[in-house]
Amino acid sequence: MRYLARREHSRAELARKLAPYAESADLLEGTLRELERSKLLSNERFAEARARWMSRKYGAARIRHDLKSKGVSDDIVSGVSGAHELERALDILKRKYHEQVSSRQEYARRARFLQSRGFSHDTIRSALSSSTNFSEE
């Protein structure tokens, strides 16, 4: 219960943390089923909270990858929306860089930065075109 009181956990993440303390795999499985039945453990709730927290810094692709690595099923991960991704990318750029793009090298540097954060190429192109002083073509 201490783990769940601190933050939401995925089922797989909680199973991994509790496995060293479980007497048997059947007992662990029963405990996890009981937590899900009583709505104390929910992969959907975990995915929503994790996506909301990560959206301050990362794009949809990075969030989806993180959720899959935490053991969240594909149907829940596919529900993670890329909505408002352009606004998030612009906010991140504004926080990190205070001046407009003035060279191709700077454009490429910022594009790589956004790409490493999990933003799509279309989003990167749109975000950088609004802060560019030169034609990118």
C-alpha atoms as a PDB file:
ATOM      1  CA  MET A   1       0.000   0.000   0.000  1.00  0.00           C
ATOM      2  CA  ARG A   2       2.959   2.336   0.577  1.00  0.00           C
ATOM      3  CA  TYR A   3       3.918   2.148  -3.087  1.00  0.00           C
ATOM      4  CA  LEU A   4       0.401   3.053  -4.205  1.00  0.00           C
ATOM      5  CA  ALA A   5       0.103   5.853  -1.658  1.00  0.00           C
ATOM      6  CA  ARG A   6       3.113   7.646  -3.151  1.00  0.00           C
ATOM      7  CA  ARG A   7       2.105   7.542  -6.823  1.00  0.00           C
ATOM      8  CA  GLU A   8       0.264   5.493  -9.421  1.00  0.00           C
ATOM      9  CA  HIS A   9       1.993   2.316 -10.582  1.00  0.00           C
ATOM     10  CA  SER A  10       1.370   0.035 -13.536  1.00  0.00           C
ATOM     11  CA  ARG A  11       0.499  -3.573 -12.760  1.00  0.00           C
ATOM     12  CA  ALA A  12       3.831  -4.842 -14.126  1.00  0.00           C
ATOM     13  CA  GLU A  13       5.806  -2.207 -12.225  1.00  0.00           C
ATOM     14  CA  LEU A  14       4.095  -3.024  -8.927  1.00  0.00           C
ATOM     15  CA  ALA A  15       4.520  -6.777  -9.519  1.00  0.00           C
ATOM     16  CA  ARG A  16       8.251  -6.250 -10.065  1.00  0.00           C
ATOM     17  CA  LYS A  17       8.557  -4.222  -6.858  1.00  0.00           C
ATOM     18  CA  LEU A  18       6.539  -6.669  -4.748  1.00  0.00           C
ATOM     19  CA  ALA A  19       8.047  -9.902  -6.141  1.00  0.00           C
ATOM     20  CA  PRO A  20      10.968 -10.058  -3.657  1.00  0.00           C
ATOM     21  CA  TYR A  21       8.512  -9.894  -0.740  1.00  0.00           C
ATOM     22  CA  ALA A  22       5.922 -12.376  -2.035  1.00  0.00           C
ATOM     23  CA  GLU A  23       5.850 -15.880  -0.618  1.00  0.00           C
ATOM     24  CA  SER A  24       4.681 -17.283  -3.958  1.00  0.00           C
ATOM     25  CA  ALA A  25       3.790 -16.144  -7.457  1.00  0.00           C
ATOM     26  CA  ASP A  26       0.161 -17.185  -6.879  1.00  0.00           C
ATOM     27  CA  LEU A  27      -0.100 -15.037  -3.763  1.00  0.00           C
ATOM     28  CA  LEU A  28       1.379 -12.068  -5.623  1.00  0.00           C
ATOM     29  CA  GLU A  29      -1.044 -12.548  -8.516  1.00  0.00           C
ATOM     30  CA  GLY A  30      -3.985 -12.746  -6.111  1.00  0.00           C
ATOM     31  CA  THR A  31      -2.886  -9.577  -4.354  1.00  0.00           C
ATOM     32  CA  LEU A  32      -2.597  -7.710  -7.661  1.00  0.00           C
ATOM     33  CA  ARG A  33      -6.047  -8.956  -8.764  1.00  0.00           C
ATOM     34  CA  GLU A  34      -7.541  -7.811  -5.460  1.00  0.00           C
ATOM     35  CA  LEU A  35      -5.955  -4.361  -5.810  1.00  0.00           C
ATOM     36  CA  GLU A  36      -7.370  -4.060  -9.324  1.00  0.00           C
ATOM     37  CA  ARG A  37     -10.803  -5.247  -8.212  1.00  0.00           C
ATOM     38  CA  SER A  38     -10.904  -2.646  -5.447  1.00  0.00           C
ATOM     39  CA  LYS A  39      -9.743   0.005  -7.950  1.00  0.00           C
ATOM     40  CA  LEU A  40      -6.550   0.784  -6.039  1.00  0.00           C
ATOM     41  CA  LEU A  41      -4.445  -0.334  -9.008  1.00  0.00           C
ATOM     42  CA  SER A  42      -5.282   0.753 -12.555  1.00  0.00           C
ATOM     43  CA  ASN A  43      -3.117   0.739 -15.672  1.00  0.00           C
ATOM     44  CA  GLU A  44      -5.424   3.329 -17.262  1.00  0.00           C
ATOM     45  CA  ARG A  45      -5.059   5.718 -14.339  1.00  0.00           C
ATOM     46  CA  PHE A  46      -1.292   5.150 -14.303  1.00  0.00           C
ATOM     47  CA  ALA A  47      -1.043   5.861 -18.047  1.00  0.00           C
ATOM     48  CA  GLU A  48      -3.037   9.095 -17.726  1.00  0.00           C
ATOM     49  CA  ALA A  49      -0.989  10.357 -14.792  1.00  0.00           C
ATOM     50  CA  ARG A  50       2.343   9.381 -16.347  1.00  0.00           C
ATOM     51  CA  ALA A  51       1.432  10.933 -19.727  1.00  0.00           C
ATOM     52  CA  ARG A  52       0.301  14.153 -18.044  1.00  0.00           C
ATOM     53  CA  TRP A  53       3.539  14.370 -16.039  1.00  0.00           C
ATOM     54  CA  MET A  54       5.768  13.570 -19.021  1.00  0.00           C
ATOM     55  CA  SER A  55       3.958  15.906 -21.426  1.00  0.00           C
ATOM     56  CA  ARG A  56       5.668  18.891 -19.807  1.00  0.00           C
ATOM     57  CA  LYS A  57       8.978  17.788 -21.329  1.00  0.00           C
ATOM     58  CA  TYR A  58       8.376  15.101 -23.944  1.00  0.00           C
ATOM     59  CA  GLY A  59       6.477  14.362 -27.129  1.00  0.00           C
ATOM     60  CA  ALA A  60       3.904  11.660 -27.767  1.00  0.00           C
ATOM     61  CA  ALA A  61       6.386   9.128 -29.174  1.00  0.00           C
ATOM     62  CA  ARG A  62       8.603   9.294 -26.092  1.00  0.00           C
ATOM     63  CA  ILE A  63       5.579   9.033 -23.788  1.00  0.00           C
ATOM     64  CA  ARG A  64       4.274   5.967 -25.653  1.00  0.00           C
ATOM     65  CA  HIS A  65       7.687   4.301 -25.465  1.00  0.00           C
ATOM     66  CA  ASP A  66       7.905   4.979 -21.722  1.00  0.00           C
ATOM     67  CA  LEU A  67       4.441   3.556 -21.060  1.00  0.00           C
ATOM     68  CA  LYS A  68       5.250   0.392 -23.015  1.00  0.00           C
ATOM     69  CA  SER A  69       8.451  -0.022 -21.019  1.00  0.00           C
ATOM     70  CA  LYS A  70       6.383   0.158 -17.814  1.00  0.00           C
ATOM     71  CA  GLY A  71       4.227  -2.766 -18.961  1.00  0.00           C
ATOM     72  CA  VAL A  72       1.128  -0.865 -20.075  1.00  0.00           C
ATOM     73  CA  SER A  73      -0.854  -2.657 -22.798  1.00  0.00           C
ATOM     74  CA  ASP A  74      -0.854  -1.419 -26.394  1.00  0.00           C
ATOM     75  CA  ASP A  75      -4.551  -0.509 -26.409  1.00  0.00           C
ATOM     76  CA  ILE A  76      -4.043   1.836 -23.442  1.00  0.00           C
ATOM     77  CA  VAL A  77      -0.826   3.245 -24.938  1.00  0.00           C
ATOM     78  CA  SER A  78      -2.589   3.963 -28.237  1.00  0.00           C
ATOM     79  CA  GLY A  79      -5.001   6.163 -26.273  1.00  0.00           C
ATOM     80  CA  VAL A  80      -2.157   8.562 -25.467  1.00  0.00           C
ATOM     81  CA  SER A  81      -2.954  11.527 -27.597  1.00  0.00           C
ATOM     82  CA  GLY A  82      -0.619  13.670 -29.622  1.00  0.00           C
ATOM     83  CA  ALA A  83      -3.068  16.536 -29.183  1.00  0.00           C
ATOM     84  CA  HIS A  84      -1.532  19.865 -28.335  1.00  0.00           C
ATOM     85  CA  GLU A  85       1.875  18.475 -29.297  1.00  0.00           C
ATOM     86  CA  LEU A  86       2.763  21.620 -31.269  1.00  0.00           C
ATOM     87  CA  GLU A  87       1.956  23.840 -28.290  1.00  0.00           C
ATOM     88  CA  ARG A  88       4.065  21.650 -26.014  1.00  0.00           C
ATOM     89  CA  ALA A  89       6.991  21.769 -28.451  1.00  0.00           C
ATOM     90  CA  LEU A  90       6.751  25.557 -28.686  1.00  0.00           C
ATOM     91  CA  ASP A  91       6.666  25.878 -24.886  1.00  0.00           C
ATOM     92  CA  ILE A  92       9.725  23.670 -24.522  1.00  0.00           C
ATOM     93  CA  LEU A  93      11.604  25.642 -27.161  1.00  0.00           C
ATOM     94  CA  LYS A  94      10.636  28.927 -25.522  1.00  0.00           C
ATOM     95  CA  ARG A  95      11.897  27.758 -22.125  1.00  0.00           C
ATOM     96  CA  LYS A  96      15.203  26.478 -23.484  1.00  0.00           C
ATOM     97  CA  TYR A  97      15.994  29.034 -26.206  1.00  0.00           C
ATOM     98  CA  HIS A  98      15.234  32.714 -25.800  1.00  0.00           C
ATOM     99  CA  GLU A  99      16.116  33.951 -29.291  1.00  0.00           C
ATOM    100  CA  GLN A 100      14.910  33.040 -32.780  1.00  0.00           C
ATOM    101  CA  VAL A 101      16.721  30.601 -35.034  1.00  0.00           C
ATOM    102  CA  SER A 102      19.234  32.527 -37.143  1.00  0.00           C
ATOM    103  CA  SER A 103      21.282  29.819 -38.889  1.00  0.00           C
ATOM    104  CA  ARG A 104      20.885  26.381 -40.392  1.00  0.00           C
ATOM    105  CA  GLN A 105      23.174  24.920 -37.735  1.00  0.00           C
ATOM    106  CA  GLU A 106      20.980  26.312 -34.968  1.00  0.00           C
ATOM    107  CA  TYR A 107      17.871  25.051 -36.769  1.00  0.00           C
ATOM    108  CA  ALA A 108      19.400  21.550 -36.951  1.00  0.00           C
ATOM    109  CA  ARG A 109      20.475  21.690 -33.288  1.00  0.00           C
ATOM    110  CA  ARG A 110      16.954  22.553 -32.157  1.00  0.00           C
ATOM    111  CA  ALA A 111      15.427  19.942 -34.448  1.00  0.00           C
ATOM    112  CA  ARG A 112      17.680  17.253 -32.937  1.00  0.00           C
ATOM    113  CA  PHE A 113      16.755  18.470 -29.454  1.00  0.00           C
ATOM    114  CA  LEU A 114      13.013  18.148 -30.146  1.00  0.00           C
ATOM    115  CA  GLN A 115      13.528  14.822 -31.883  1.00  0.00           C
ATOM    116  CA  SER A 116      15.335  13.457 -28.821  1.00  0.00           C
ATOM    117  CA  ARG A 117      12.332  14.517 -26.760  1.00  0.00           C
ATOM    118  CA  GLY A 118      10.002  12.360 -28.885  1.00  0.00           C
ATOM    119  CA  PHE A 119       8.292  14.925 -31.104  1.00  0.00           C
ATOM    120  CA  SER A 120       7.257  14.019 -34.657  1.00  0.00           C
ATOM    121  CA  HIS A 121       8.980  15.504 -37.693  1.00  0.00           C
ATOM    122  CA  ASP A 122       5.856  17.452 -38.678  1.00  0.00           C
ATOM    123  CA  THR A 123       5.620  18.972 -35.218  1.00  0.00           C
ATOM    124  CA  ILE A 124       9.320  19.858 -35.231  1.00  0.00           C
ATOM    125  CA  ARG A 125       9.057  21.502 -38.632  1.00  0.00           C
ATOM    126  CA  SER A 126       5.987  23.501 -37.584  1.00  0.00           C
ATOM    127  CA  ALA A 127       7.484  24.578 -34.269  1.00  0.00           C
ATOM    128  CA  LEU A 128      10.780  25.674 -35.780  1.00  0.00           C
ATOM    129  CA  SER A 129       9.199  27.453 -38.743  1.00  0.00           C
ATOM    130  CA  SER A 130       7.479  29.832 -36.336  1.00  0.00           C
ATOM    131  CA  SER A 131      10.825  30.839 -34.786  1.00  0.00           C
ATOM    132  CA  THR A 132      12.967  31.082 -37.915  1.00  0.00           C
ATOM    133  CA  ASN A 133      14.515  34.161 -39.515  1.00  0.00           C
ATOM    134  CA  PHE A 134      15.592  32.366 -42.701  1.00  0.00           C
ATOM    135  CA  SER A 135      14.038  30.060 -45.252  1.00  0.00           C
ATOM    136  CA  GLU A 136      14.761  26.441 -44.329  1.00  0.00           C
ATOM    137  CA  GLU A 137      14.810  25.309 -47.976  1.00  0.00           C
END
